Structures are given as C-alpha cells and as structure tokens.
C-alpha cells in the first residue's frame, strides 16, 4: 500500500504544470503604474489517467500562489494572474530599483481510482521561481514647440 501511495504522489509531482512566472510589462516597469503578473499555470489541473501499480488513477490538483514582489507585503491568491486590463495579480511600485520577484506555488491534490473520487494525496507539492524586475521612475516633461 505504501508503494501505491508513493506512486500516486510521484505521479502528481511529475504531472502538475511547471511554474513559469512573468510580468507585464516584461523585464521593467514604471513607478506609480500597476505591474501585472501571472504564474503561467492554470487555476486547477486534471492529469490524464495513468496506471499506478496496475490501477488507473486520475490526479486533480488545486494551486495556491504566494507572491513576494521584492517590496511590500506578500500576496497569496488562488488566481493565476493575467495581463492588462483584467489581470488580478498586480503590484504598484512606489520607488525605483531592481527588485527580485518570487512566487511559490503550493499544490494540494486528490485522486480518483476504481470509481472512488476525492481521495487525498498526502503532503503538498511546492514549486518556486524568481526573476528580476527593474523599476524606473517616470518623469514628466513639458514640451513646447515654437514658444
């Protein structure tokens, strides 16, 4: 029984989507304007059925993301984020600098086997990724031609 449980956990680990975070704008942004983020993963995941110790198993996983924007409080959500204008994972940088953005995804999973659904998979699957984001200061210029 322990080997079946380990096999199911291994199946879940191998099949959840890879964490691939990014920002919009990509690579750099401006102070005072919202920067949008996305995890590059779906809001839920169902793996294709697979055989574990001769039993057909389907894994279902729900993610939770915790964002550290390199400045300010952590932000936890079940929303994978998205781009302007509808993305709900966003951050406003009040000062310029180079910030390390980190995101951790924690998957909780269940599985179905032999017609029995929602059996819990022990433990969680944790993925982390980070990238640098340069924040520049926007400056206002008054341009007058011929004055």
C-alpha atoms as a PDB file:
ATOM      1  CA  UNK A   1       0.000   0.000   0.000  1.00  0.00           C
ATOM      2  CA  UNK A   2       2.886   2.388   0.775  1.00  0.00           C
ATOM      3  CA  UNK A   3       4.317   1.898  -2.722  1.00  0.00           C
ATOM      4  CA  UNK A   4       0.928   2.734  -4.287  1.00  0.00           C
ATOM      5  CA  UNK A   5       0.696   5.900  -2.193  1.00  0.00           C
ATOM      6  CA  UNK A   6       4.260   6.863  -3.151  1.00  0.00           C
ATOM      7  CA  UNK A   7       3.478   6.142  -6.804  1.00  0.00           C
ATOM      8  CA  UNK A   8       0.415   8.392  -6.710  1.00  0.00           C
ATOM      9  CA  UNK A   9       2.393  11.202  -5.064  1.00  0.00           C
ATOM     10  CA  UNK A  10       5.135  10.773  -7.692  1.00  0.00           C
ATOM     11  CA  UNK A  11       2.526  10.871 -10.467  1.00  0.00           C
ATOM     12  CA  UNK A  12       1.118  14.124  -9.073  1.00  0.00           C
ATOM     13  CA  UNK A  13       4.610  15.645  -8.801  1.00  0.00           C
ATOM     14  CA  UNK A  14       5.525  14.696 -12.382  1.00  0.00           C
ATOM     15  CA  UNK A  15       2.301  15.950 -13.946  1.00  0.00           C
ATOM     16  CA  UNK A  16       1.494  19.335 -12.368  1.00  0.00           C
ATOM     17  CA  UNK A  17       2.314  22.200 -14.732  1.00  0.00           C
ATOM     18  CA  UNK A  18       5.675  23.948 -14.402  1.00  0.00           C
ATOM     19  CA  UNK A  19       5.720  27.339 -12.701  1.00  0.00           C
ATOM     20  CA  UNK A  20       6.679  29.964 -15.318  1.00  0.00           C
ATOM     21  CA  UNK A  21       6.042  33.430 -13.867  1.00  0.00           C
ATOM     22  CA  UNK A  22       6.270  36.638 -15.851  1.00  0.00           C
ATOM     23  CA  UNK A  23       5.296  40.296 -15.661  1.00  0.00           C
ATOM     24  CA  UNK A  24       3.656  42.846 -17.911  1.00  0.00           C
ATOM     25  CA  UNK A  25       5.496  44.952 -18.847  1.00  0.00           C
ATOM     26  CA  UNK A  26       8.191  42.273 -19.156  1.00  0.00           C
ATOM     27  CA  UNK A  27      11.547  42.941 -17.521  1.00  0.00           C
ATOM     28  CA  UNK A  28      10.967  46.525 -16.427  1.00  0.00           C
ATOM     29  CA  UNK A  29       8.145  48.783 -15.301  1.00  0.00           C
ATOM     30  CA  UNK A  30       7.487  52.320 -14.063  1.00  0.00           C
ATOM     31  CA  UNK A  31       6.841  53.701 -10.590  1.00  0.00           C
ATOM     32  CA  UNK A  32       3.244  54.601  -9.872  1.00  0.00           C
ATOM     33  CA  UNK A  33       1.757  52.346 -12.556  1.00  0.00           C
ATOM     34  CA  UNK A  34       0.350  48.851 -11.946  1.00  0.00           C
ATOM     35  CA  UNK A  35       2.539  45.947 -12.993  1.00  0.00           C
ATOM     36  CA  UNK A  36       0.632  42.762 -13.865  1.00  0.00           C
ATOM     37  CA  UNK A  37       1.901  39.287 -13.016  1.00  0.00           C
ATOM     38  CA  UNK A  38       0.967  35.751 -13.991  1.00  0.00           C
ATOM     39  CA  UNK A  39       2.160  32.361 -12.805  1.00  0.00           C
ATOM     40  CA  UNK A  40       1.962  30.659 -16.205  1.00  0.00           C
ATOM     41  CA  UNK A  41      -0.139  27.858 -14.684  1.00  0.00           C
ATOM     42  CA  UNK A  42      -3.863  27.022 -14.738  1.00  0.00           C
ATOM     43  CA  UNK A  43      -6.251  27.709 -11.826  1.00  0.00           C
ATOM     44  CA  UNK A  44      -6.783  23.945 -11.493  1.00  0.00           C
ATOM     45  CA  UNK A  45      -5.328  20.832 -13.081  1.00  0.00           C
ATOM     46  CA  UNK A  46      -6.540  17.361 -14.034  1.00  0.00           C
ATOM     47  CA  UNK A  47      -3.868  14.888 -15.121  1.00  0.00           C
ATOM     48  CA  UNK A  48      -4.506  12.341 -17.838  1.00  0.00           C
ATOM     49  CA  UNK A  49      -5.365   8.935 -16.330  1.00  0.00           C
ATOM     50  CA  UNK A  50      -2.259   6.843 -15.615  1.00  0.00           C
ATOM     51  CA  UNK A  51      -1.557   3.401 -14.205  1.00  0.00           C
ATOM     52  CA  UNK A  52      -0.046   3.132 -10.724  1.00  0.00           C
ATOM     53  CA  UNK A  53       0.619  -0.445  -9.560  1.00  0.00           C
ATOM     54  CA  UNK A  54      -1.913  -1.689 -12.127  1.00  0.00           C
ATOM     55  CA  UNK A  55      -4.672   0.715 -11.003  1.00  0.00           C
ATOM     56  CA  UNK A  56      -5.883   3.536 -13.247  1.00  0.00           C
ATOM     57  CA  UNK A  57      -5.523   6.807 -11.338  1.00  0.00           C
ATOM     58  CA  UNK A  58      -6.537  10.388 -12.176  1.00  0.00           C
ATOM     59  CA  UNK A  59      -4.954  13.253 -10.225  1.00  0.00           C
ATOM     60  CA  UNK A  60      -6.779  16.530  -9.514  1.00  0.00           C
ATOM     61  CA  UNK A  61      -4.746  19.464  -8.158  1.00  0.00           C
ATOM     62  CA  UNK A  62      -5.594  22.937  -6.850  1.00  0.00           C
ATOM     63  CA  UNK A  63      -2.820  25.549  -6.645  1.00  0.00           C
ATOM     64  CA  UNK A  64      -2.283  28.496  -4.347  1.00  0.00           C
ATOM     65  CA  UNK A  65       0.305  31.141  -5.195  1.00  0.00           C
ATOM     66  CA  UNK A  66       2.217  33.380  -2.805  1.00  0.00           C
ATOM     67  CA  UNK A  67       3.899  36.357  -4.453  1.00  0.00           C
ATOM     68  CA  UNK A  68       6.772  38.355  -2.997  1.00  0.00           C
ATOM     69  CA  UNK A  69       7.156  41.426  -5.199  1.00  0.00           C
ATOM     70  CA  UNK A  70      10.504  42.292  -3.616  1.00  0.00           C
ATOM     71  CA  UNK A  71       8.944  45.193  -1.760  1.00  0.00           C
ATOM     72  CA  UNK A  72       5.841  45.342   0.391  1.00  0.00           C
ATOM     73  CA  UNK A  73       3.733  42.543   1.884  1.00  0.00           C
ATOM     74  CA  UNK A  74       3.341  39.027   0.467  1.00  0.00           C
ATOM     75  CA  UNK A  75       0.247  38.401  -1.656  1.00  0.00           C
ATOM     76  CA  UNK A  76      -1.487  34.983  -1.583  1.00  0.00           C
ATOM     77  CA  UNK A  77      -4.138  34.029  -4.112  1.00  0.00           C
ATOM     78  CA  UNK A  78      -5.839  31.182  -5.966  1.00  0.00           C
ATOM     79  CA  UNK A  79      -5.827  33.345  -9.114  1.00  0.00           C
ATOM     80  CA  UNK A  80      -3.010  32.537 -11.576  1.00  0.00           C
ATOM     81  CA  UNK A  81      -2.877  36.190 -12.660  1.00  0.00           C
ATOM     82  CA  UNK A  82      -3.031  37.631 -16.134  1.00  0.00           C
ATOM     83  CA  UNK A  83      -2.431  40.642 -18.317  1.00  0.00           C
ATOM     84  CA  UNK A  84      -3.907  44.117 -18.534  1.00  0.00           C
ATOM     85  CA  UNK A  85      -6.700  45.037 -18.151  1.00  0.00           C
ATOM     86  CA  UNK A  86      -8.287  42.057 -16.373  1.00  0.00           C
ATOM     87  CA  UNK A  87      -5.306  40.526 -14.536  1.00  0.00           C
ATOM     88  CA  UNK A  88      -5.937  40.425 -10.786  1.00  0.00           C
ATOM     89  CA  UNK A  89      -2.356  39.838  -9.627  1.00  0.00           C
ATOM     90  CA  UNK A  90      -0.790  43.274  -9.754  1.00  0.00           C
ATOM     91  CA  UNK A  91       1.535  45.456  -7.754  1.00  0.00           C
ATOM     92  CA  UNK A  92       2.340  49.160  -7.657  1.00  0.00           C
ATOM     93  CA  UNK A  93       5.988  50.046  -7.044  1.00  0.00           C
ATOM     94  CA  UNK A  94       6.350  53.416  -5.291  1.00  0.00           C
ATOM     95  CA  UNK A  95      10.124  53.682  -5.781  1.00  0.00           C
ATOM     96  CA  UNK A  96      12.670  52.770  -8.423  1.00  0.00           C
ATOM     97  CA  UNK A  97      15.220  49.989  -8.129  1.00  0.00           C
ATOM     98  CA  UNK A  98      15.928  46.385  -9.044  1.00  0.00           C
ATOM     99  CA  UNK A  99      13.534  44.001  -7.318  1.00  0.00           C
ATOM    100  CA  UNK A 100      13.638  40.206  -7.078  1.00  0.00           C
ATOM    101  CA  UNK A 101      10.094  38.904  -7.658  1.00  0.00           C
ATOM    102  CA  UNK A 102       9.481  35.457  -6.160  1.00  0.00           C
ATOM    103  CA  UNK A 103       6.446  33.247  -6.430  1.00  0.00           C
ATOM    104  CA  UNK A 104       5.750  29.985  -4.654  1.00  0.00           C
ATOM    105  CA  UNK A 105       3.030  27.646  -5.853  1.00  0.00           C
ATOM    106  CA  UNK A 106       1.626  25.095  -3.416  1.00  0.00           C
ATOM    107  CA  UNK A 107      -0.479  22.334  -4.955  1.00  0.00           C
ATOM    108  CA  UNK A 108      -2.916  20.275  -2.879  1.00  0.00           C
ATOM    109  CA  UNK A 109      -4.071  17.213  -4.727  1.00  0.00           C
ATOM    110  CA  UNK A 110      -6.629  14.434  -4.657  1.00  0.00           C
ATOM    111  CA  UNK A 111      -7.056  11.417  -6.900  1.00  0.00           C
ATOM    112  CA  UNK A 112      -9.690   9.031  -8.110  1.00  0.00           C
ATOM    113  CA  UNK A 113      -9.199   5.292  -8.569  1.00  0.00           C
ATOM    114  CA  UNK A 114     -11.626   2.458  -9.275  1.00  0.00           C
ATOM    115  CA  UNK A 115     -14.624   4.788  -9.173  1.00  0.00           C
ATOM    116  CA  UNK A 116     -13.749   6.317  -5.803  1.00  0.00           C
ATOM    117  CA  UNK A 117     -13.162  10.066  -6.073  1.00  0.00           C
ATOM    118  CA  UNK A 118     -11.506  12.761  -3.963  1.00  0.00           C
ATOM    119  CA  UNK A 119      -9.029  10.584  -2.130  1.00  0.00           C
ATOM    120  CA  UNK A 120      -6.392  12.900  -0.604  1.00  0.00           C
ATOM    121  CA  UNK A 121      -2.753  12.763  -1.631  1.00  0.00           C
ATOM    122  CA  UNK A 122      -0.570  13.204   1.449  1.00  0.00           C
ATOM    123  CA  UNK A 123       1.562  16.330   1.607  1.00  0.00           C
ATOM    124  CA  UNK A 124       1.794  19.190  -0.844  1.00  0.00           C
ATOM    125  CA  UNK A 125       3.760  19.836  -3.996  1.00  0.00           C
ATOM    126  CA  UNK A 126       5.732  23.082  -3.798  1.00  0.00           C
ATOM    127  CA  UNK A 127       7.321  24.931  -6.697  1.00  0.00           C
ATOM    128  CA  UNK A 128       9.239  28.231  -6.548  1.00  0.00           C
ATOM    129  CA  UNK A 129      10.612  30.586  -9.179  1.00  0.00           C
ATOM    130  CA  UNK A 130      12.035  34.104  -9.258  1.00  0.00           C
ATOM    131  CA  UNK A 131      13.017  36.805 -11.713  1.00  0.00           C
ATOM    132  CA  UNK A 132      14.423  40.328 -11.558  1.00  0.00           C
ATOM    133  CA  UNK A 133      12.261  43.344 -12.335  1.00  0.00           C
ATOM    134  CA  UNK A 134      13.744  46.793 -12.928  1.00  0.00           C
ATOM    135  CA  UNK A 135      11.514  49.642 -11.791  1.00  0.00           C
ATOM    136  CA  UNK A 136      12.238  53.002 -13.382  1.00  0.00           C
ATOM    137  CA  UNK A 137      10.898  56.382 -12.425  1.00  0.00           C
ATOM    138  CA  UNK A 138       8.540  58.046 -14.872  1.00  0.00           C
ATOM    139  CA  UNK A 139       9.337  61.743 -15.394  1.00  0.00           C
ATOM    140  CA  UNK A 140       7.095  64.426 -16.773  1.00  0.00           C
ATOM    141  CA  UNK A 141       8.366  66.761 -19.443  1.00  0.00           C
ATOM    142  CA  UNK A 142       6.621  69.796 -20.804  1.00  0.00           C
ATOM    143  CA  UNK A 143       7.490  70.173 -24.423  1.00  0.00           C
ATOM    144  CA  UNK A 144       6.660  73.420 -26.102  1.00  0.00           C
ATOM    145  CA  UNK A 145       7.444  73.939 -29.732  1.00  0.00           C
ATOM    146  CA  UNK A 146       7.936  77.458 -31.009  1.00  0.00           C
ATOM    147  CA  UNK A 147       7.238  79.203 -27.703  1.00  0.00           C
END
